[in-house]
PDB file of N, CA and C in Angstrom:
ATOM      1  N   MET A   1      -2.914  -1.922  -9.100  1.00  0.00           N
ATOM      2  CA  MET A   1      -3.501  -1.327  -7.920  1.00  0.00           C
ATOM      3  C   MET A   1      -4.749  -2.118  -7.534  1.00  0.00           C
ATOM      4  N   ILE A   2      -4.973  -2.253  -6.237  1.00  0.00           N
ATOM      5  CA  ILE A   2      -6.142  -2.924  -5.661  1.00  0.00           C
ATOM      6  C   ILE A   2      -6.887  -1.928  -4.784  1.00  0.00           C
ATOM      7  N   ILE A   3      -8.211  -1.950  -4.868  1.00  0.00           N
ATOM      8  CA  ILE A   3      -9.046  -1.112  -4.011  1.00  0.00           C
ATOM      9  C   ILE A   3      -9.765  -2.013  -3.020  1.00  0.00           C
ATOM     10  N   GLU A   4      -9.528  -1.762  -1.757  1.00  0.00           N
ATOM     11  CA  GLU A   4     -10.230  -2.444  -0.677  1.00  0.00           C
ATOM     12  C   GLU A   4     -11.510  -1.659  -0.404  1.00  0.00           C
ATOM     13  N   HIS A   5     -12.647  -2.356  -0.373  1.00  0.00           N
ATOM     14  CA  HIS A   5     -13.966  -1.733  -0.174  1.00  0.00           C
ATOM     15  C   HIS A   5     -14.605  -2.380   1.043  1.00  0.00           C
ATOM     16  N   VAL A   6     -14.989  -1.551   2.029  1.00  0.00           N
ATOM     17  CA  VAL A   6     -15.619  -2.072   3.238  1.00  0.00           C
ATOM     18  C   VAL A   6     -16.728  -1.126   3.682  1.00  0.00           C
ATOM     19  N   LEU A   7     -17.911  -1.668   3.945  1.00  0.00           N
ATOM     20  CA  LEU A   7     -18.984  -0.911   4.578  1.00  0.00           C
ATOM     21  C   LEU A   7     -18.920  -1.217   6.068  1.00  0.00           C
ATOM     22  N   LEU A   8     -18.718  -0.175   6.866  1.00  0.00           N
ATOM     23  CA  LEU A   8     -18.520  -0.324   8.305  1.00  0.00           C
ATOM     24  C   LEU A   8     -19.791   0.075   9.051  1.00  0.00           C
ATOM     25  N   PRO A   9     -20.492  -0.886   9.659  1.00  0.00           N
ATOM     26  CA  PRO A   9     -21.699  -0.563  10.422  1.00  0.00           C
ATOM     27  C   PRO A   9     -21.347  -0.117  11.842  1.00  0.00           C
ATOM     28  N   VAL A  10     -21.607   1.138  12.143  1.00  0.00           N
ATOM     29  CA  VAL A  10     -21.294   1.722  13.452  1.00  0.00           C
ATOM     30  C   VAL A  10     -22.578   2.328  14.011  1.00  0.00           C
ATOM     31  N   ARG A  11     -22.869   2.049  15.276  1.00  0.00           N
ATOM     32  CA  ARG A  11     -24.056   2.655  15.880  1.00  0.00           C
ATOM     33  C   ARG A  11     -23.928   4.175  15.812  1.00  0.00           C
ATOM     34  N   PRO A  12     -24.964   4.874  15.325  1.00  0.00           N
ATOM     35  CA  PRO A  12     -24.880   6.340  15.187  1.00  0.00           C
ATOM     36  C   PRO A  12     -24.512   7.053  16.487  1.00  0.00           C
ATOM     37  N   ASP A  13     -24.897   6.524  17.634  1.00  0.00           N
ATOM     38  CA  ASP A  13     -24.559   7.180  18.901  1.00  0.00           C
ATOM     39  C   ASP A  13     -23.084   7.015  19.267  1.00  0.00           C
ATOM     40  N   ARG A  14     -22.341   6.209  18.498  1.00  0.00           N
ATOM     41  CA  ARG A  14     -20.908   6.031  18.732  1.00  0.00           C
ATOM     42  C   ARG A  14     -20.069   6.628  17.603  1.00  0.00           C
ATOM     43  N   ALA A  15     -20.709   7.387  16.718  1.00  0.00           N
ATOM     44  CA  ALA A  15     -20.028   7.911  15.538  1.00  0.00           C
ATOM     45  C   ALA A  15     -18.828   8.784  15.895  1.00  0.00           C
ATOM     46  N   ALA A  16     -18.988   9.708  16.819  1.00  0.00           N
ATOM     47  CA  ALA A  16     -17.878  10.608  17.172  1.00  0.00           C
ATOM     48  C   ALA A  16     -16.718   9.825  17.774  1.00  0.00           C
ATOM     49  N   GLU A  17     -17.028   8.866  18.624  1.00  0.00           N
ATOM     50  CA  GLU A  17     -15.992   8.023  19.235  1.00  0.00           C
ATOM     51  C   GLU A  17     -15.273   7.195  18.165  1.00  0.00           C
ATOM     52  N   PHE A  18     -16.044   6.629  17.221  1.00  0.00           N
ATOM     53  CA  PHE A  18     -15.454   5.860  16.123  1.00  0.00           C
ATOM     54  C   PHE A  18     -14.546   6.732  15.266  1.00  0.00           C
ATOM     55  N   GLU A  19     -15.015   7.922  14.898  1.00  0.00           N
ATOM     56  CA  GLU A  19     -14.217   8.797  14.045  1.00  0.00           C
ATOM     57  C   GLU A  19     -12.917   9.218  14.724  1.00  0.00           C
ATOM     58  N   ALA A  20     -12.950   9.434  16.025  1.00  0.00           N
ATOM     59  CA  ALA A  20     -11.725   9.774  16.763  1.00  0.00           C
ATOM     60  C   ALA A  20     -10.760   8.589  16.775  1.00  0.00           C
ATOM     61  N   ALA A  21     -11.291   7.392  16.993  1.00  0.00           N
ATOM     62  CA  ALA A  21     -10.445   6.195  16.977  1.00  0.00           C
ATOM     63  C   ALA A  21      -9.879   5.949  15.585  1.00  0.00           C
ATOM     64  N   PHE A  22     -10.691   6.208  14.556  1.00  0.00           N
ATOM     65  CA  PHE A  22     -10.226   6.002  13.191  1.00  0.00           C
ATOM     66  C   PHE A  22      -9.101   6.979  12.845  1.00  0.00           C
ATOM     67  N   ALA A  23      -9.190   8.187  13.346  1.00  0.00           N
ATOM     68  CA  ALA A  23      -8.125   9.167  13.099  1.00  0.00           C
ATOM     69  C   ALA A  23      -6.789   8.655  13.635  1.00  0.00           C
ATOM     70  N   ARG A  24      -6.816   7.971  14.769  1.00  0.00           N
ATOM     71  CA  ARG A  24      -5.579   7.378  15.309  1.00  0.00           C
ATOM     72  C   ARG A  24      -5.159   6.159  14.484  1.00  0.00           C
ATOM     73  N   ALA A  25      -6.124   5.308  14.138  1.00  0.00           N
ATOM     74  CA  ALA A  25      -5.833   4.085  13.383  1.00  0.00           C
ATOM     75  C   ALA A  25      -5.307   4.395  11.985  1.00  0.00           C
ATOM     76  N   ARG A  26      -5.733   5.496  11.430  1.00  0.00           N
ATOM     77  CA  ARG A  26      -5.297   5.896  10.079  1.00  0.00           C
ATOM     78  C   ARG A  26      -3.774   5.979   9.995  1.00  0.00           C
ATOM     79  N   LEU A  27      -3.148   6.442  11.044  1.00  0.00           N
ATOM     80  CA  LEU A  27      -1.685   6.557  11.044  1.00  0.00           C
ATOM     81  C   LEU A  27      -1.015   5.202  10.922  1.00  0.00           C
ATOM     82  N   ILE A  28      -1.668   4.173  11.458  1.00  0.00           N
ATOM     83  CA  ILE A  28      -1.122   2.814  11.374  1.00  0.00           C
ATOM     84  C   ILE A  28      -1.130   2.336   9.932  1.00  0.00           C
ATOM     85  N   ILE A  29      -2.279   2.399   9.286  1.00  0.00           N
ATOM     86  CA  ILE A  29      -2.404   1.861   7.931  1.00  0.00           C
ATOM     87  C   ILE A  29      -1.572   2.665   6.937  1.00  0.00           C
ATOM     88  N   GLU A  30      -1.479   3.979   7.154  1.00  0.00           N
ATOM     89  CA  GLU A  30      -0.685   4.810   6.248  1.00  0.00           C
ATOM     90  C   GLU A  30       0.796   4.459   6.276  1.00  0.00           C
ATOM     91  N   SER A  31       1.252   3.839   7.356  1.00  0.00           N
ATOM     92  CA  SER A  31       2.670   3.501   7.485  1.00  0.00           C
ATOM     93  C   SER A  31       3.026   2.151   6.850  1.00  0.00           C
ATOM     94  N   MET A  32       2.036   1.437   6.354  1.00  0.00           N
ATOM     95  CA  MET A  32       2.274   0.091   5.856  1.00  0.00           C
ATOM     96  C   MET A  32       2.816   0.082   4.427  1.00  0.00           C
ATOM     97  N   PRO A  33       3.745  -0.843   4.140  1.00  0.00           N
ATOM     98  CA  PRO A  33       4.237  -0.980   2.763  1.00  0.00           C
ATOM     99  C   PRO A  33       3.087  -1.299   1.810  1.00  0.00           C
ATOM    100  N   GLY A  34       3.081  -0.646   0.670  1.00  0.00           N
ATOM    101  CA  GLY A  34       2.068  -0.883  -0.342  1.00  0.00           C
ATOM    102  C   GLY A  34       0.825  -0.025  -0.202  1.00  0.00           C
ATOM    103  N   PHE A  35       0.695   0.717   0.916  1.00  0.00           N
ATOM    104  CA  PHE A  35      -0.444   1.618   1.089  1.00  0.00           C
ATOM    105  C   PHE A  35      -0.329   2.771   0.106  1.00  0.00           C
ATOM    106  N   ARG A  36      -1.454   3.150  -0.517  1.00  0.00           N
ATOM    107  CA  ARG A  36      -1.463   4.280  -1.449  1.00  0.00           C
ATOM    108  C   ARG A  36      -2.348   5.421  -0.937  1.00  0.00           C
ATOM    109  N   THR A  37      -3.654   5.166  -0.791  1.00  0.00           N
ATOM    110  CA  THR A  37      -4.579   6.199  -0.339  1.00  0.00           C
ATOM    111  C   THR A  37      -5.683   5.568   0.502  1.00  0.00           C
ATOM    112  N   LEU A  38      -6.387   6.438   1.228  1.00  0.00           N
ATOM    113  CA  LEU A  38      -7.502   5.999   2.059  1.00  0.00           C
ATOM    114  C   LEU A  38      -8.570   7.075   2.036  1.00  0.00           C
ATOM    115  N   SER A  39      -9.829   6.663   2.031  1.00  0.00           N
ATOM    116  CA  SER A  39     -10.920   7.608   2.254  1.00  0.00           C
ATOM    117  C   SER A  39     -11.968   6.926   3.130  1.00  0.00           C
ATOM    118  N   LEU A  40     -12.525   7.704   4.036  1.00  0.00           N
ATOM    119  CA  LEU A  40     -13.601   7.243   4.907  1.00  0.00           C
ATOM    120  C   LEU A  40     -14.753   8.210   4.726  1.00  0.00           C
ATOM    121  N   SER A  41     -15.923   7.687   4.381  1.00  0.00           N
ATOM    122  CA  SER A  41     -17.110   8.512   4.147  1.00  0.00           C
ATOM    123  C   SER A  41     -18.258   7.989   5.003  1.00  0.00           C
ATOM    124  N   ARG A  42     -19.093   8.921   5.483  1.00  0.00           N
ATOM    125  CA  ARG A  42     -20.262   8.559   6.294  1.00  0.00           C
ATOM    126  C   ARG A  42     -21.505   8.582   5.408  1.00  0.00           C
ATOM    127  N   GLY A  43     -22.371   7.585   5.589  1.00  0.00           N
ATOM    128  CA  GLY A  43     -23.599   7.500   4.817  1.00  0.00           C
ATOM    129  C   GLY A  43     -24.513   8.688   5.085  1.00  0.00           C
ATOM    130  N   VAL A  44     -25.138   9.200   4.056  1.00  0.00           N
ATOM    131  CA  VAL A  44     -26.085  10.301   4.192  1.00  0.00           C
ATOM    132  C   VAL A  44     -27.436   9.753   4.654  1.00  0.00           C
ATOM    133  N   GLU A  45     -27.943   8.753   3.941  1.00  0.00           N
ATOM    134  CA  GLU A  45     -29.219   8.152   4.313  1.00  0.00           C
ATOM    135  C   GLU A  45     -29.095   7.231   5.528  1.00  0.00           C
ATOM    136  N   THR A  46     -27.909   6.659   5.709  1.00  0.00           N
ATOM    137  CA  THR A  46     -27.661   5.744   6.829  1.00  0.00           C
ATOM    138  C   THR A  46     -26.411   6.206   7.574  1.00  0.00           C
ATOM    139  N   PRO A  47     -26.532   7.188   8.475  1.00  0.00           N
ATOM    140  CA  PRO A  47     -25.358   7.772   9.134  1.00  0.00           C
ATOM    141  C   PRO A  47     -24.529   6.780   9.944  1.00  0.00           C
ATOM    142  N   GLY A  48     -25.082   5.621  10.245  1.00  0.00           N
ATOM    143  CA  GLY A  48     -24.315   4.618  10.968  1.00  0.00           C
ATOM    144  C   GLY A  48     -23.476   3.735  10.069  1.00  0.00           C
ATOM    145  N   THR A  49     -23.504   3.982   8.762  1.00  0.00           N
ATOM    146  CA  THR A  49     -22.704   3.197   7.820  1.00  0.00           C
ATOM    147  C   THR A  49     -21.608   4.079   7.247  1.00  0.00           C
ATOM    148  N   TYR A  50     -20.387   3.586   7.341  1.00  0.00           N
ATOM    149  CA  TYR A  50     -19.224   4.277   6.779  1.00  0.00           C
ATOM    150  C   TYR A  50     -18.693   3.459   5.614  1.00  0.00           C
ATOM    151  N   LEU A  51     -18.219   4.146   4.608  1.00  0.00           N
ATOM    152  CA  LEU A  51     -17.575   3.506   3.468  1.00  0.00           C
ATOM    153  C   LEU A  51     -16.082   3.753   3.576  1.00  0.00           C
ATOM    154  N   LEU A  52     -15.319   2.669   3.671  1.00  0.00           N
ATOM    155  CA  LEU A  52     -13.862   2.749   3.707  1.00  0.00           C
ATOM    156  C   LEU A  52     -13.327   2.243   2.376  1.00  0.00           C
ATOM    157  N   LEU A  53     -12.549   3.076   1.722  1.00  0.00           N
ATOM    158  CA  LEU A  53     -11.857   2.695   0.490  1.00  0.00           C
ATOM    159  C   LEU A  53     -10.367   2.891   0.716  1.00  0.00           C
ATOM    160  N   VAL A  54      -9.610   1.832   0.489  1.00  0.00           N
ATOM    161  CA  VAL A  54      -8.160   1.896   0.644  1.00  0.00           C
ATOM    162  C   VAL A  54      -7.529   1.383  -0.644  1.00  0.00           C
ATOM    163  N   GLU A  55      -6.601   2.140  -1.171  1.00  0.00           N
ATOM    164  CA  GLU A  55      -5.851   1.699  -2.352  1.00  0.00           C
ATOM    165  C   GLU A  55      -4.532   1.098  -1.896  1.00  0.00           C
ATOM    166  N   TRP A  56      -4.243  -0.075  -2.431  1.00  0.00           N
ATOM    167  CA  TRP A  56      -2.999  -0.793  -2.153  1.00  0.00           C
ATOM    168  C   TRP A  56      -2.279  -1.049  -3.473  1.00  0.00           C
ATOM    169  N   ASN A  57      -0.962  -1.166  -3.425  1.00  0.00           N
ATOM    170  CA  ASN A  57      -0.220  -1.517  -4.633  1.00  0.00           C
ATOM    171  C   ASN A  57      -0.622  -2.898  -5.127  1.00  0.00           C
ATOM    172  N   THR A  58      -0.721  -3.877  -4.199  1.00  0.00           N
ATOM    173  CA  THR A  58      -1.075  -5.250  -4.566  1.00  0.00           C
ATOM    174  C   THR A  58      -2.031  -5.824  -3.528  1.00  0.00           C
ATOM    175  N   LEU A  59      -2.710  -6.884  -3.892  1.00  0.00           N
ATOM    176  CA  LEU A  59      -3.581  -7.583  -2.948  1.00  0.00           C
ATOM    177  C   LEU A  59      -2.762  -8.114  -1.771  1.00  0.00           C
ATOM    178  N   GLY A  60      -1.573  -8.612  -2.063  1.00  0.00           N
ATOM    179  CA  GLY A  60      -0.698  -9.126  -1.009  1.00  0.00           C
ATOM    180  C   GLY A  60      -0.296  -8.067   0.006  1.00  0.00           C
ATOM    181  N   ASP A  61      -0.151  -6.824  -0.440  1.00  0.00           N
ATOM    182  CA  ASP A  61       0.182  -5.748   0.500  1.00  0.00           C
ATOM    183  C   ASP A  61      -0.892  -5.623   1.575  1.00  0.00           C
ATOM    184  N   HIS A  62      -2.143  -5.826   1.195  1.00  0.00           N
ATOM    185  CA  HIS A  62      -3.221  -5.747   2.184  1.00  0.00           C
ATOM    186  C   HIS A  62      -3.370  -7.052   2.955  1.00  0.00           C
ATOM    187  N   VAL A  63      -3.588  -8.149   2.238  1.00  0.00           N
ATOM    188  CA  VAL A  63      -3.934  -9.418   2.873  1.00  0.00           C
ATOM    189  C   VAL A  63      -2.767 -10.003   3.663  1.00  0.00           C
ATOM    190  N   ASP A  64      -1.624 -10.118   3.045  1.00  0.00           N
ATOM    191  CA  ASP A  64      -0.469 -10.733   3.708  1.00  0.00           C
ATOM    192  C   ASP A  64       0.320  -9.712   4.531  1.00  0.00           C
ATOM    193  N   GLY A  65       0.514  -8.525   3.952  1.00  0.00           N
ATOM    194  CA  GLY A  65       1.328  -7.511   4.613  1.00  0.00           C
ATOM    195  C   GLY A  65       0.627  -6.882   5.806  1.00  0.00           C
ATOM    196  N   PHE A  66      -0.422  -6.112   5.560  1.00  0.00           N
ATOM    197  CA  PHE A  66      -1.101  -5.402   6.639  1.00  0.00           C
ATOM    198  C   PHE A  66      -1.812  -6.351   7.593  1.00  0.00           C
ATOM    199  N   ARG A  67      -2.665  -7.205   7.055  1.00  0.00           N
ATOM    200  CA  ARG A  67      -3.450  -8.086   7.931  1.00  0.00           C
ATOM    201  C   ARG A  67      -2.592  -9.112   8.662  1.00  0.00           C
ATOM    202  N   GLY A  68      -1.421  -9.399   8.153  1.00  0.00           N
ATOM    203  CA  GLY A  68      -0.523 -10.338   8.816  1.00  0.00           C
ATOM    204  C   GLY A  68       0.491  -9.675   9.733  1.00  0.00           C
ATOM    205  N   SER A  69       0.341  -8.375   9.939  1.00  0.00           N
ATOM    206  CA  SER A  69       1.351  -7.621  10.692  1.00  0.00           C
ATOM    207  C   SER A  69       0.931  -7.396  12.148  1.00  0.00           C
ATOM    208  N   PRO A  70       1.916  -7.111  13.022  1.00  0.00           N
ATOM    209  CA  PRO A  70       1.589  -6.714  14.394  1.00  0.00           C
ATOM    210  C   PRO A  70       0.793  -5.404  14.426  1.00  0.00           C
ATOM    211  N   GLU A  71       1.001  -4.530  13.446  1.00  0.00           N
ATOM    212  CA  GLU A  71       0.267  -3.265  13.386  1.00  0.00           C
ATOM    213  C   GLU A  71      -1.233  -3.502  13.213  1.00  0.00           C
ATOM    214  N   TYR A  72      -1.591  -4.590  12.518  1.00  0.00           N
ATOM    215  CA  TYR A  72      -3.010  -4.895  12.333  1.00  0.00           C
ATOM    216  C   TYR A  72      -3.682  -5.209  13.671  1.00  0.00           C
ATOM    217  N   GLU A  73      -2.950  -5.796  14.584  1.00  0.00           N
ATOM    218  CA  GLU A  73      -3.507  -6.079  15.911  1.00  0.00           C
ATOM    219  C   GLU A  73      -3.901  -4.780  16.611  1.00  0.00           C
ATOM    220  N   GLU A  74      -3.084  -3.742  16.480  1.00  0.00           N
ATOM    221  CA  GLU A  74      -3.406  -2.446  17.073  1.00  0.00           C
ATOM    222  C   GLU A  74      -4.598  -1.810  16.351  1.00  0.00           C
ATOM    223  N   TRP A  75      -4.627  -1.902  15.029  1.00  0.00           N
ATOM    224  CA  TRP A  75      -5.768  -1.429  14.226  1.00  0.00           C
ATOM    225  C   TRP A  75      -7.052  -2.089  14.729  1.00  0.00           C
ATOM    226  N   SER A  76      -7.010  -3.394  14.899  1.00  0.00           N
ATOM    227  CA  SER A  76      -8.170  -4.151  15.377  1.00  0.00           C
ATOM    228  C   SER A  76      -8.591  -3.691  16.766  1.00  0.00           C
ATOM    229  N   ARG A  77      -7.637  -3.506  17.654  1.00  0.00           N
ATOM    230  CA  ARG A  77      -7.931  -3.075  19.019  1.00  0.00           C
ATOM    231  C   ARG A  77      -8.638  -1.725  19.032  1.00  0.00           C
ATOM    232  N   LEU A  78      -8.218  -0.831  18.144  1.00  0.00           N
ATOM    233  CA  LEU A  78      -8.806   0.505  18.089  1.00  0.00           C
ATOM    234  C   LEU A  78     -10.209   0.526  17.473  1.00  0.00           C
ATOM    235  N   LEU A  79     -10.474  -0.352  16.501  1.00  0.00           N
ATOM    236  CA  LEU A  79     -11.677  -0.199  15.691  1.00  0.00           C
ATOM    237  C   LEU A  79     -12.703  -1.324  15.735  1.00  0.00           C
ATOM    238  N   HIS A  80     -12.267  -2.552  15.876  1.00  0.00           N
ATOM    239  CA  HIS A  80     -13.186  -3.673  15.645  1.00  0.00           C
ATOM    240  C   HIS A  80     -14.356  -3.733  16.620  1.00  0.00           C
ATOM    241  N   HIS A  81     -14.246  -3.173  17.795  1.00  0.00           N
ATOM    242  CA  HIS A  81     -15.352  -3.224  18.753  1.00  0.00           C
ATOM    243  C   HIS A  81     -16.513  -2.291  18.378  1.00  0.00           C
ATOM    244  N   PHE A  82     -16.330  -1.448  17.374  1.00  0.00           N
ATOM    245  CA  PHE A  82     -17.404  -0.554  16.937  1.00  0.00           C
ATOM    246  C   PHE A  82     -18.380  -1.234  15.980  1.00  0.00           C
ATOM    247  N   TYR A  83     -18.004  -2.348  15.365  1.00  0.00           N
ATOM    248  CA  TYR A  83     -18.770  -2.930  14.267  1.00  0.00           C
ATOM    249  C   TYR A  83     -19.779  -3.969  14.742  1.00  0.00           C
ATOM    250  N   ASP A  84     -21.014  -3.842  14.227  1.00  0.00           N
ATOM    251  CA  ASP A  84     -22.033  -4.843  14.497  1.00  0.00           C
ATOM    252  C   ASP A  84     -23.064  -4.788  13.381  1.00  0.00           C
ATOM    253  N   PRO A  85     -23.050  -5.785  12.501  1.00  0.00           N
ATOM    254  CA  PRO A  85     -22.191  -6.964  12.468  1.00  0.00           C
ATOM    255  C   PRO A  85     -20.798  -6.618  11.937  1.00  0.00           C
ATOM    256  N   PHE A  86     -19.903  -7.595  12.030  1.00  0.00           N
ATOM    257  CA  PHE A  86     -18.545  -7.376  11.543  1.00  0.00           C
ATOM    258  C   PHE A  86     -18.586  -7.258  10.017  1.00  0.00           C
ATOM    259  N   PRO A  87     -17.895  -6.272   9.451  1.00  0.00           N
ATOM    260  CA  PRO A  87     -17.986  -6.020   8.004  1.00  0.00           C
ATOM    261  C   PRO A  87     -17.254  -7.052   7.152  1.00  0.00           C
ATOM    262  N   THR A  88     -17.688  -7.124   5.898  1.00  0.00           N
ATOM    263  CA  THR A  88     -17.043  -7.968   4.898  1.00  0.00           C
ATOM    264  C   THR A  88     -16.158  -7.087   4.030  1.00  0.00           C
ATOM    265  N   VAL A  89     -14.923  -7.501   3.856  1.00  0.00           N
ATOM    266  CA  VAL A  89     -13.965  -6.768   3.023  1.00  0.00           C
ATOM    267  C   VAL A  89     -13.992  -7.359   1.619  1.00  0.00           C
ATOM    268  N   ARG A  90     -14.042  -6.500   0.636  1.00  0.00           N
ATOM    269  CA  ARG A  90     -13.981  -6.905  -0.774  1.00  0.00           C
ATOM    270  C   ARG A  90     -12.837  -6.155  -1.446  1.00  0.00           C
ATOM    271  N   HIS A  91     -12.261  -6.778  -2.476  1.00  0.00           N
ATOM    272  CA  HIS A  91     -11.156  -6.170  -3.224  1.00  0.00           C
ATOM    273  C   HIS A  91     -11.560  -6.012  -4.681  1.00  0.00           C
ATOM    274  N   PHE A  92     -11.143  -4.888  -5.266  1.00  0.00           N
ATOM    275  CA  PHE A  92     -11.489  -4.574  -6.650  1.00  0.00           C
ATOM    276  C   PHE A  92     -10.254  -4.118  -7.406  1.00  0.00           C
ATOM    277  N   GLU A  93     -10.263  -4.376  -8.710  1.00  0.00           N
ATOM    278  CA  GLU A  93      -9.244  -3.845  -9.608  1.00  0.00           C
ATOM    279  C   GLU A  93      -9.895  -2.753 -10.448  1.00  0.00           C
ATOM    280  N   PRO A  94      -9.251  -1.605 -10.575  1.00  0.00           N
ATOM    281  CA  PRO A  94      -9.841  -0.518 -11.364  1.00  0.00           C
ATOM    282  C   PRO A  94     -10.042  -0.925 -12.826  1.00  0.00           C
ATOM    283  N   VAL A  95     -11.147  -0.478 -13.380  1.00  0.00           N
ATOM    284  CA  VAL A  95     -11.450  -0.695 -14.783  1.00  0.00           C
ATOM    285  C   VAL A  95     -11.461   0.638 -15.515  1.00  0.00           C
ATOM    286  N   LEU A  96     -12.094   1.633 -14.894  1.00  0.00           N
ATOM    287  CA  LEU A  96     -12.230   2.940 -15.526  1.00  0.00           C
ATOM    288  C   LEU A  96     -12.328   3.995 -14.434  1.00  0.00           C
ATOM    289  N   ALA A  97     -11.696   5.123 -14.629  1.00  0.00           N
ATOM    290  CA  ALA A  97     -11.788   6.233 -13.676  1.00  0.00           C
ATOM    291  C   ALA A  97     -11.878   7.525 -14.459  1.00  0.00           C
ATOM    292  N   SER A  98     -12.568   8.498 -13.877  1.00  0.00           N
ATOM    293  CA  SER A  98     -12.730   9.780 -14.537  1.00  0.00           C
ATOM    294  C   SER A  98     -12.940  10.854 -13.491  1.00  0.00           C
ATOM    295  N   GLY A  99     -12.564  12.080 -13.809  1.00  0.00           N
ATOM    296  CA  GLY A  99     -12.844  13.203 -12.926  1.00  0.00           C
ATOM    297  C   GLY A  99     -11.818  13.401 -11.840  1.00  0.00           C
ATOM    298  N   ALA A 100     -12.090  14.424 -11.049  1.00  0.00           N
ATOM    299  CA  ALA A 100     -11.187  14.798  -9.959  1.00  0.00           C
ATOM    300  C   ALA A 100     -11.413  13.907  -8.756  1.00  0.00           C
ATOM    301  N   ARG A 101     -10.436  13.847  -7.904  1.00  0.00           N
ATOM    302  CA  ARG A 101     -10.548  13.118  -6.643  1.00  0.00           C
ATOM    303  C   ARG A 101     -11.549  13.822  -5.736  1.00  0.00           C
ATOM    304  N   PRO A 102     -12.225  13.055  -4.845  1.00  0.00           N
ATOM    305  CA  PRO A 102     -13.152  13.692  -3.896  1.00  0.00           C
ATOM    306  C   PRO A 102     -12.412  14.647  -2.968  1.00  0.00           C
ATOM    307  N   ALA A 103     -13.133  15.627  -2.471  1.00  0.00           N
ATOM    308  CA  ALA A 103     -12.561  16.600  -1.534  1.00  0.00           C
ATOM    309  C   ALA A 103     -12.235  15.922  -0.215  1.00  0.00           C
ATOM    310  N   VAL A 104     -11.225  16.408   0.466  1.00  0.00           N
ATOM    311  CA  VAL A 104     -10.833  15.907   1.776  1.00  0.00           C
ATOM    312  C   VAL A 104     -11.857  16.386   2.799  1.00  0.00           C
ATOM    313  N   ALA A 105     -12.046  15.616   3.846  1.00  0.00           N
ATOM    314  CA  ALA A 105     -13.034  15.941   4.888  1.00  0.00           C
ATOM    315  C   ALA A 105     -12.874  17.369   5.371  1.00  0.00           C
ATOM    316  N   ALA A 106     -13.972  17.977   5.752  1.00  0.00           N
ATOM    317  CA  ALA A 106     -13.989  19.373   6.193  1.00  0.00           C
ATOM    318  C   ALA A 106     -13.182  19.607   7.464  1.00  0.00           C
ATOM    319  N   SER A 107     -12.846  18.541   8.186  1.00  0.00           N
ATOM    320  CA  SER A 107     -12.106  18.719   9.436  1.00  0.00           C
ATOM    321  C   SER A 107     -10.648  19.061   9.198  1.00  0.00           C
ATOM    322  N   VAL A 108     -10.180  18.983   7.959  1.00  0.00           N
ATOM    323  CA  VAL A 108      -8.803  19.338   7.654  1.00  0.00           C
ATOM    324  C   VAL A 108      -8.733  20.854   7.490  1.00  0.00           C
ATOM    325  N   PRO A 109      -7.881  21.526   8.268  1.00  0.00           N
ATOM    326  CA  PRO A 109      -7.809  22.994   8.173  1.00  0.00           C
ATOM    327  C   PRO A 109      -7.320  23.433   6.799  1.00  0.00           C
ATOM    328  N   GLU A 110      -7.889  24.510   6.320  1.00  0.00           N
ATOM    329  CA  GLU A 110      -7.463  25.067   5.046  1.00  0.00           C
ATOM    330  C   GLU A 110      -6.247  25.956   5.244  1.00  0.00           C
ATOM    331  N   ALA A 111      -5.405  26.024   4.204  1.00  0.00           N
ATOM    332  CA  ALA A 111      -4.238  26.908   4.260  1.00  0.00           C
ATOM    333  C   ALA A 111      -4.706  28.355   4.215  1.00  0.00           C
ATOM    334  N   GLN A 112      -4.045  29.200   4.978  1.00  0.00           N
ATOM    335  CA  GLN A 112      -4.406  30.626   5.016  1.00  0.00           C
ATOM    336  C   GLN A 112      -3.707  31.378   3.931  1.00  0.00           C
TER     337      GLN A 112
END
């Protein structure tokens, strides 16, 4: 498994617009071969910074598969104009994990 790590700099006055666009873009990345999970978190001290973590089966699934796909062009169209400066993507291999997964964003309705 590979973890893609990206800090996304978004102007705070465009946060709601970015989050709405990301909700649409999420459907694109979730449909890609090798995609496992995704989380997007907003900075507490720096609300204009978002942390994107994406788990992929392999590095190739992200770099060659997703980034080399026509779907990536749509992802870029939806999101890349929000970033200033453009973010740097880093990849990590898990070494150690512990505890429960983080809670899903509050915008997801709870079951009644």
